[in-house]
């Protein structure tokens, strides 16, 4: 599923969430529910806007070998 960034002008916060392309989020309450966070002092009906961000493509067919440790390396380098 794609990841989207949403901005709330009422609290100047940007939150990243993952959801289906067919889904839409229009309010701070919906965004917090999807992100699993509390609404805090911001009204749940405050509007949010989806930001335009670049997409990332993840491929398992790369020419570099996988990380020898079996997990993510700091900075993504693995020492290669």
PDB file of N, CA and C in Angstrom:
ATOM      1  N   UNK A   1       0.840  -1.184   0.000  1.00  0.00           N
ATOM      2  CA  UNK A   1       0.000   0.000   0.000  1.00  0.00           C
ATOM      3  C   UNK A   1       0.885   1.246   0.000  1.00  0.00           C
ATOM      4  N   UNK A   2       0.440   2.305  -0.669  1.00  0.00           N
ATOM      5  CA  UNK A   2       1.230   3.532  -0.704  1.00  0.00           C
ATOM      6  C   UNK A   2       1.207   4.284   0.614  1.00  0.00           C
ATOM      7  N   UNK A   3       2.226   5.086   0.809  1.00  0.00           N
ATOM      8  CA  UNK A   3       2.352   5.935   1.991  1.00  0.00           C
ATOM      9  C   UNK A   3       2.092   7.375   1.586  1.00  0.00           C
ATOM     10  N   UNK A   4       1.328   8.082   2.394  1.00  0.00           N
ATOM     11  CA  UNK A   4       0.955   9.468   2.112  1.00  0.00           C
ATOM     12  C   UNK A   4       1.277  10.350   3.309  1.00  0.00           C
ATOM     13  N   UNK A   5       1.634  11.608   3.034  1.00  0.00           N
ATOM     14  CA  UNK A   5       1.828  12.620   4.064  1.00  0.00           C
ATOM     15  C   UNK A   5       0.633  13.554   4.040  1.00  0.00           C
ATOM     16  N   UNK A   6       0.089  13.845   5.221  1.00  0.00           N
ATOM     17  CA  UNK A   6      -1.031  14.774   5.356  1.00  0.00           C
ATOM     18  C   UNK A   6      -0.621  15.908   6.279  1.00  0.00           C
ATOM     19  N   UNK A   7      -1.051  17.129   5.937  1.00  0.00           N
ATOM     20  CA  UNK A   7      -0.728  18.308   6.728  1.00  0.00           C
ATOM     21  C   UNK A   7      -1.995  18.909   7.297  1.00  0.00           C
ATOM     22  N   UNK A   8      -1.939  19.270   8.582  1.00  0.00           N
ATOM     23  CA  UNK A   8      -3.057  19.938   9.250  1.00  0.00           C
ATOM     24  C   UNK A   8      -2.618  21.376   9.551  1.00  0.00           C
ATOM     25  N   UNK A   9      -3.307  22.347   8.962  1.00  0.00           N
ATOM     26  CA  UNK A   9      -2.938  23.748   9.181  1.00  0.00           C
ATOM     27  C   UNK A   9      -3.347  24.238  10.572  1.00  0.00           C
ATOM     28  N   UNK A  10      -4.268  23.550  11.235  1.00  0.00           N
ATOM     29  CA  UNK A  10      -4.681  23.958  12.584  1.00  0.00           C
ATOM     30  C   UNK A  10      -3.573  23.759  13.616  1.00  0.00           C
ATOM     31  N   UNK A  11      -2.719  22.741  13.399  1.00  0.00           N
ATOM     32  CA  UNK A  11      -1.652  22.479  14.371  1.00  0.00           C
ATOM     33  C   UNK A  11      -0.268  22.420  13.721  1.00  0.00           C
ATOM     34  N   UNK A  12      -0.206  22.669  12.418  1.00  0.00           N
ATOM     35  CA  UNK A  12       1.053  22.671  11.647  1.00  0.00           C
ATOM     36  C   UNK A  12       1.808  21.347  11.725  1.00  0.00           C
ATOM     37  N   UNK A  13       1.077  20.254  11.854  1.00  0.00           N
ATOM     38  CA  UNK A  13       1.709  18.932  11.917  1.00  0.00           C
ATOM     39  C   UNK A  13       1.526  18.198  10.600  1.00  0.00           C
ATOM     40  N   UNK A  14       2.551  17.424  10.243  1.00  0.00           N
ATOM     41  CA  UNK A  14       2.493  16.547   9.087  1.00  0.00           C
ATOM     42  C   UNK A  14       2.599  15.119   9.597  1.00  0.00           C
ATOM     43  N   UNK A  15       1.675  14.272   9.177  1.00  0.00           N
ATOM     44  CA  UNK A  15       1.619  12.880   9.617  1.00  0.00           C
ATOM     45  C   UNK A  15       1.678  11.981   8.393  1.00  0.00           C
ATOM     46  N   UNK A  16       2.459  10.919   8.494  1.00  0.00           N
ATOM     47  CA  UNK A  16       2.584   9.944   7.413  1.00  0.00           C
ATOM     48  C   UNK A  16       1.748   8.716   7.749  1.00  0.00           C
ATOM     49  N   UNK A  17       0.918   8.301   6.787  1.00  0.00           N
ATOM     50  CA  UNK A  17       0.089   7.109   6.964  1.00  0.00           C
ATOM     51  C   UNK A  17       0.103   6.272   5.691  1.00  0.00           C
ATOM     52  N   UNK A  18      -0.219   5.016   5.845  1.00  0.00           N
ATOM     53  CA  UNK A  18      -0.333   4.098   4.719  1.00  0.00           C
ATOM     54  C   UNK A  18      -1.791   3.710   4.561  1.00  0.00           C
ATOM     55  N   UNK A  19      -2.287   3.825   3.327  1.00  0.00           N
ATOM     56  CA  UNK A  19      -3.658   3.392   3.063  1.00  0.00           C
ATOM     57  C   UNK A  19      -3.822   3.120   1.579  1.00  0.00           C
ATOM     58  N   UNK A  20      -4.923   2.483   1.234  1.00  0.00           N
ATOM     59  CA  UNK A  20      -5.226   2.163  -0.156  1.00  0.00           C
ATOM     60  C   UNK A  20      -5.399   3.445  -0.968  1.00  0.00           C
ATOM     61  N   UNK A  21      -5.085   3.349  -2.251  1.00  0.00           N
ATOM     62  CA  UNK A  21      -5.247   4.506  -3.131  1.00  0.00           C
ATOM     63  C   UNK A  21      -6.702   4.960  -3.198  1.00  0.00           C
ATOM     64  N   UNK A  22      -7.626   4.037  -3.019  1.00  0.00           N
ATOM     65  CA  UNK A  22      -9.045   4.362  -3.106  1.00  0.00           C
ATOM     66  C   UNK A  22      -9.576   5.054  -1.852  1.00  0.00           C
ATOM     67  N   UNK A  23      -8.797   5.046  -0.774  1.00  0.00           N
ATOM     68  CA  UNK A  23      -9.211   5.694   0.470  1.00  0.00           C
ATOM     69  C   UNK A  23      -8.827   7.166   0.447  1.00  0.00           C
ATOM     70  N   UNK A  24      -9.581   7.957   1.172  1.00  0.00           N
ATOM     71  CA  UNK A  24      -9.260   9.366   1.329  1.00  0.00           C
ATOM     72  C   UNK A  24      -9.386   9.771   2.781  1.00  0.00           C
ATOM     73  N   UNK A  25      -8.586  10.724   3.195  1.00  0.00           N
ATOM     74  CA  UNK A  25      -8.634  11.239   4.562  1.00  0.00           C
ATOM     75  C   UNK A  25      -8.859  12.739   4.462  1.00  0.00           C
ATOM     76  N   UNK A  26      -9.885  13.238   5.146  1.00  0.00           N
ATOM     77  CA  UNK A  26     -10.241  14.648   5.039  1.00  0.00           C
ATOM     78  C   UNK A  26     -10.108  15.414   6.351  1.00  0.00           C
ATOM     79  N   UNK A  27     -10.125  14.703   7.502  1.00  0.00           N
ATOM     80  CA  UNK A  27     -10.109  15.410   8.788  1.00  0.00           C
ATOM     81  C   UNK A  27      -8.983  14.899   9.690  1.00  0.00           C
ATOM     82  N   UNK A  28      -8.648  15.731  10.666  1.00  0.00           N
ATOM     83  CA  UNK A  28      -7.621  15.376  11.639  1.00  0.00           C
ATOM     84  C   UNK A  28      -8.015  14.115  12.404  1.00  0.00           C
ATOM     85  N   UNK A  29      -9.276  13.966  12.729  1.00  0.00           N
ATOM     86  CA  UNK A  29      -9.746  12.781  13.445  1.00  0.00           C
ATOM     87  C   UNK A  29      -9.540  11.509  12.638  1.00  0.00           C
ATOM     88  N   UNK A  30      -9.868  11.556  11.338  1.00  0.00           N
ATOM     89  CA  UNK A  30      -9.656  10.406  10.466  1.00  0.00           C
ATOM     90  C   UNK A  30      -8.169  10.075  10.357  1.00  0.00           C
ATOM     91  N   UNK A  31      -7.350  11.117  10.234  1.00  0.00           N
ATOM     92  CA  UNK A  31      -5.908  10.926  10.119  1.00  0.00           C
ATOM     93  C   UNK A  31      -5.331  10.297  11.385  1.00  0.00           C
ATOM     94  N   UNK A  32      -5.721  10.812  12.537  1.00  0.00           N
ATOM     95  CA  UNK A  32      -5.229  10.268  13.802  1.00  0.00           C
ATOM     96  C   UNK A  32      -5.673   8.825  13.988  1.00  0.00           C
ATOM     97  N   UNK A  33      -6.903   8.524  13.616  1.00  0.00           N
ATOM     98  CA  UNK A  33      -7.401   7.162  13.712  1.00  0.00           C
ATOM     99  C   UNK A  33      -6.566   6.220  12.851  1.00  0.00           C
ATOM    100  N   UNK A  34      -6.265   6.646  11.613  1.00  0.00           N
ATOM    101  CA  UNK A  34      -5.484   5.817  10.693  1.00  0.00           C
ATOM    102  C   UNK A  34      -4.042   5.660  11.190  1.00  0.00           C
ATOM    103  N   UNK A  35      -3.483   6.728  11.788  1.00  0.00           N
ATOM    104  CA  UNK A  35      -2.106   6.700  12.267  1.00  0.00           C
ATOM    105  C   UNK A  35      -1.976   6.061  13.651  1.00  0.00           C
ATOM    106  N   UNK A  36      -3.101   5.881  14.337  1.00  0.00           N
ATOM    107  CA  UNK A  36      -3.072   5.288  15.673  1.00  0.00           C
ATOM    108  C   UNK A  36      -2.541   6.239  16.735  1.00  0.00           C
ATOM    109  N   UNK A  37      -2.846   7.540  16.575  1.00  0.00           N
ATOM    110  CA  UNK A  37      -2.399   8.537  17.553  1.00  0.00           C
ATOM    111  C   UNK A  37      -3.609   9.288  18.101  1.00  0.00           C
ATOM    112  N   UNK A  38      -3.402   9.987  19.204  1.00  0.00           N
ATOM    113  CA  UNK A  38      -4.467  10.785  19.826  1.00  0.00           C
ATOM    114  C   UNK A  38      -4.632  12.102  19.067  1.00  0.00           C
ATOM    115  N   UNK A  39      -5.852  12.649  19.076  1.00  0.00           N
ATOM    116  CA  UNK A  39      -6.102  13.923  18.406  1.00  0.00           C
ATOM    117  C   UNK A  39      -5.522  15.101  19.176  1.00  0.00           C
ATOM    118  N   UNK A  40      -5.314  14.921  20.459  1.00  0.00           N
ATOM    119  CA  UNK A  40      -4.759  16.004  21.280  1.00  0.00           C
ATOM    120  C   UNK A  40      -5.713  17.169  21.359  1.00  0.00           C
ATOM    121  N   UNK A  41      -5.169  18.400  21.334  1.00  0.00           N
ATOM    122  CA  UNK A  41      -5.982  19.609  21.453  1.00  0.00           C
ATOM    123  C   UNK A  41      -6.605  20.046  20.126  1.00  0.00           C
ATOM    124  N   UNK A  42      -6.230  19.411  19.034  1.00  0.00           N
ATOM    125  CA  UNK A  42      -6.749  19.781  17.717  1.00  0.00           C
ATOM    126  C   UNK A  42      -8.135  19.170  17.528  1.00  0.00           C
ATOM    127  N   UNK A  43      -9.102  19.979  17.073  1.00  0.00           N
ATOM    128  CA  UNK A  43     -10.448  19.438  16.848  1.00  0.00           C
ATOM    129  C   UNK A  43     -10.417  18.302  15.816  1.00  0.00           C
ATOM    130  N   UNK A  44     -11.177  17.262  16.077  1.00  0.00           N
ATOM    131  CA  UNK A  44     -11.219  16.102  15.184  1.00  0.00           C
ATOM    132  C   UNK A  44     -11.741  16.470  13.802  1.00  0.00           C
ATOM    133  N   UNK A  45     -12.540  17.534  13.694  1.00  0.00           N
ATOM    134  CA  UNK A  45     -13.092  17.914  12.398  1.00  0.00           C
ATOM    135  C   UNK A  45     -12.211  18.911  11.635  1.00  0.00           C
ATOM    136  N   UNK A  46     -10.995  19.205  12.139  1.00  0.00           N
ATOM    137  CA  UNK A  46     -10.069  20.089  11.428  1.00  0.00           C
ATOM    138  C   UNK A  46      -9.669  19.423  10.114  1.00  0.00           C
ATOM    139  N   UNK A  47      -9.626  20.205   9.053  1.00  0.00           N
ATOM    140  CA  UNK A  47      -9.319  19.630   7.745  1.00  0.00           C
ATOM    141  C   UNK A  47      -7.824  19.377   7.583  1.00  0.00           C
ATOM    142  N   UNK A  48      -7.518  18.347   6.819  1.00  0.00           N
ATOM    143  CA  UNK A  48      -6.130  18.016   6.479  1.00  0.00           C
ATOM    144  C   UNK A  48      -6.020  17.944   4.961  1.00  0.00           C
ATOM    145  N   UNK A  49      -4.808  18.164   4.458  1.00  0.00           N
ATOM    146  CA  UNK A  49      -4.566  18.086   3.021  1.00  0.00           C
ATOM    147  C   UNK A  49      -3.443  17.103   2.755  1.00  0.00           C
ATOM    148  N   UNK A  50      -3.635  16.275   1.747  1.00  0.00           N
ATOM    149  CA  UNK A  50      -2.594  15.336   1.352  1.00  0.00           C
ATOM    150  C   UNK A  50      -1.517  16.114   0.605  1.00  0.00           C
ATOM    151  N   UNK A  51      -0.267  15.899   0.988  1.00  0.00           N
ATOM    152  CA  UNK A  51       0.852  16.572   0.365  1.00  0.00           C
ATOM    153  C   UNK A  51       1.338  15.779  -0.838  1.00  0.00           C
ATOM    154  N   UNK A  52       1.892  16.474  -1.782  1.00  0.00           N
ATOM    155  CA  UNK A  52       2.485  15.815  -2.938  1.00  0.00           C
ATOM    156  C   UNK A  52       3.907  15.435  -2.554  1.00  0.00           C
ATOM    157  N   UNK A  53       4.186  14.151  -2.581  1.00  0.00           N
ATOM    158  CA  UNK A  53       5.513  13.660  -2.223  1.00  0.00           C
ATOM    159  C   UNK A  53       5.980  12.682  -3.289  1.00  0.00           C
ATOM    160  N   UNK A  54       7.276  12.481  -3.331  1.00  0.00           N
ATOM    161  CA  UNK A  54       7.835  11.522  -4.279  1.00  0.00           C
ATOM    162  C   UNK A  54       7.576  10.105  -3.807  1.00  0.00           C
ATOM    163  N   UNK A  55       7.421   9.213  -4.737  1.00  0.00           N
ATOM    164  CA  UNK A  55       7.192   7.814  -4.398  1.00  0.00           C
ATOM    165  C   UNK A  55       8.496   7.049  -4.350  1.00  0.00           C
ATOM    166  N   UNK A  56       8.486   5.977  -3.632  1.00  0.00           N
ATOM    167  CA  UNK A  56       9.656   5.111  -3.547  1.00  0.00           C
ATOM    168  C   UNK A  56       9.316   3.762  -4.158  1.00  0.00           C
ATOM    169  N   UNK A  57      10.233   3.244  -4.947  1.00  0.00           N
ATOM    170  CA  UNK A  57      10.030   1.935  -5.545  1.00  0.00           C
ATOM    171  C   UNK A  57      11.004   0.979  -4.895  1.00  0.00           C
ATOM    172  N   UNK A  58      10.482  -0.103  -4.393  1.00  0.00           N
ATOM    173  CA  UNK A  58      11.302  -1.112  -3.741  1.00  0.00           C
ATOM    174  C   UNK A  58      11.325  -2.338  -4.628  1.00  0.00           C
ATOM    175  N   UNK A  59      12.520  -2.793  -4.943  1.00  0.00           N
ATOM    176  CA  UNK A  59      12.659  -3.939  -5.828  1.00  0.00           C
ATOM    177  C   UNK A  59      13.576  -4.966  -5.193  1.00  0.00           C
ATOM    178  N   UNK A  60      13.210  -6.225  -5.292  1.00  0.00           N
ATOM    179  CA  UNK A  60      14.039  -7.312  -4.775  1.00  0.00           C
ATOM    180  C   UNK A  60      15.006  -7.832  -5.832  1.00  0.00           C
ATOM    181  N   UNK A  61      15.003  -7.249  -7.015  1.00  0.00           N
ATOM    182  CA  UNK A  61      15.831  -7.752  -8.100  1.00  0.00           C
ATOM    183  C   UNK A  61      17.053  -6.878  -8.342  1.00  0.00           C
ATOM    184  N   UNK A  62      17.533  -6.179  -7.333  1.00  0.00           N
ATOM    185  CA  UNK A  62      18.694  -5.306  -7.488  1.00  0.00           C
ATOM    186  C   UNK A  62      19.968  -6.089  -7.721  1.00  0.00           C
ATOM    187  N   UNK A  63      21.009  -5.392  -8.202  1.00  0.00           N
ATOM    188  CA  UNK A  63      22.273  -6.052  -8.499  1.00  0.00           C
ATOM    189  C   UNK A  63      23.171  -6.175  -7.282  1.00  0.00           C
ATOM    190  N   UNK A  64      22.894  -5.417  -6.234  1.00  0.00           N
ATOM    191  CA  UNK A  64      23.711  -5.505  -5.030  1.00  0.00           C
ATOM    192  C   UNK A  64      23.205  -6.637  -4.142  1.00  0.00           C
ATOM    193  N   UNK A  65      24.123  -7.318  -3.449  1.00  0.00           N
ATOM    194  CA  UNK A  65      23.683  -8.381  -2.539  1.00  0.00           C
ATOM    195  C   UNK A  65      22.956  -7.787  -1.342  1.00  0.00           C
ATOM    196  N   UNK A  66      22.100  -8.555  -0.694  1.00  0.00           N
ATOM    197  CA  UNK A  66      21.402  -8.058   0.485  1.00  0.00           C
ATOM    198  C   UNK A  66      22.385  -7.834   1.630  1.00  0.00           C
ATOM    199  N   UNK A  67      21.952  -7.075   2.579  1.00  0.00           N
ATOM    200  CA  UNK A  67      22.762  -6.778   3.749  1.00  0.00           C
ATOM    201  C   UNK A  67      23.158  -8.084   4.445  1.00  0.00           C
ATOM    202  N   UNK A  68      24.429  -8.223   4.746  1.00  0.00           N
ATOM    203  CA  UNK A  68      24.935  -9.448   5.372  1.00  0.00           C
ATOM    204  C   UNK A  68      24.366  -9.664   6.767  1.00  0.00           C
ATOM    205  N   UNK A  69      23.986  -8.573   7.439  1.00  0.00           N
ATOM    206  CA  UNK A  69      23.465  -8.715   8.799  1.00  0.00           C
ATOM    207  C   UNK A  69      22.010  -9.166   8.813  1.00  0.00           C
ATOM    208  N   UNK A  70      21.337  -9.081   7.653  1.00  0.00           N
ATOM    209  CA  UNK A  70      19.937  -9.478   7.598  1.00  0.00           C
ATOM    210  C   UNK A  70      18.985  -8.403   8.058  1.00  0.00           C
ATOM    211  N   UNK A  71      19.494  -7.194   8.304  1.00  0.00           N
ATOM    212  CA  UNK A  71      18.635  -6.094   8.714  1.00  0.00           C
ATOM    213  C   UNK A  71      19.116  -4.808   8.065  1.00  0.00           C
ATOM    214  N   UNK A  72      18.420  -3.740   8.322  1.00  0.00           N
ATOM    215  CA  UNK A  72      18.792  -2.454   7.733  1.00  0.00           C
ATOM    216  C   UNK A  72      20.103  -1.952   8.320  1.00  0.00           C
ATOM    217  N   UNK A  73      20.911  -1.369   7.474  1.00  0.00           N
ATOM    218  CA  UNK A  73      22.191  -0.803   7.891  1.00  0.00           C
ATOM    219  C   UNK A  73      22.033   0.709   8.064  1.00  0.00           C
ATOM    220  N   UNK A  74      22.707   1.302   9.031  1.00  0.00           N
ATOM    221  CA  UNK A  74      22.627   2.763   9.201  1.00  0.00           C
ATOM    222  C   UNK A  74      23.062   3.458   7.912  1.00  0.00           C
ATOM    223  N   UNK A  75      22.248   4.363   7.427  1.00  0.00           N
ATOM    224  CA  UNK A  75      22.560   5.088   6.217  1.00  0.00           C
ATOM    225  C   UNK A  75      22.358   4.290   4.950  1.00  0.00           C
ATOM    226  N   UNK A  76      21.970   3.024   5.059  1.00  0.00           N
ATOM    227  CA  UNK A  76      21.708   2.185   3.902  1.00  0.00           C
ATOM    228  C   UNK A  76      22.942   1.760   3.150  1.00  0.00           C
ATOM    229  N   UNK A  77      24.100   1.745   3.789  1.00  0.00           N
ATOM    230  CA  UNK A  77      25.328   1.474   3.035  1.00  0.00           C
ATOM    231  C   UNK A  77      25.817   0.044   3.109  1.00  0.00           C
ATOM    232  N   UNK A  78      25.743  -0.631   4.184  1.00  0.00           N
ATOM    233  CA  UNK A  78      26.207  -2.021   4.374  1.00  0.00           C
ATOM    234  C   UNK A  78      27.718  -2.174   4.170  1.00  0.00           C
ATOM    235  N   UNK A  79      28.423  -1.099   3.918  1.00  0.00           N
ATOM    236  CA  UNK A  79      29.866  -1.179   3.734  1.00  0.00           C
ATOM    237  C   UNK A  79      30.287  -1.671   2.379  1.00  0.00           C
ATOM    238  N   UNK A  80      29.392  -1.751   1.390  1.00  0.00           N
ATOM    239  CA  UNK A  80      29.766  -2.203   0.048  1.00  0.00           C
ATOM    240  C   UNK A  80      30.389  -1.065  -0.730  1.00  0.00           C
TER     241      UNK A  80
END
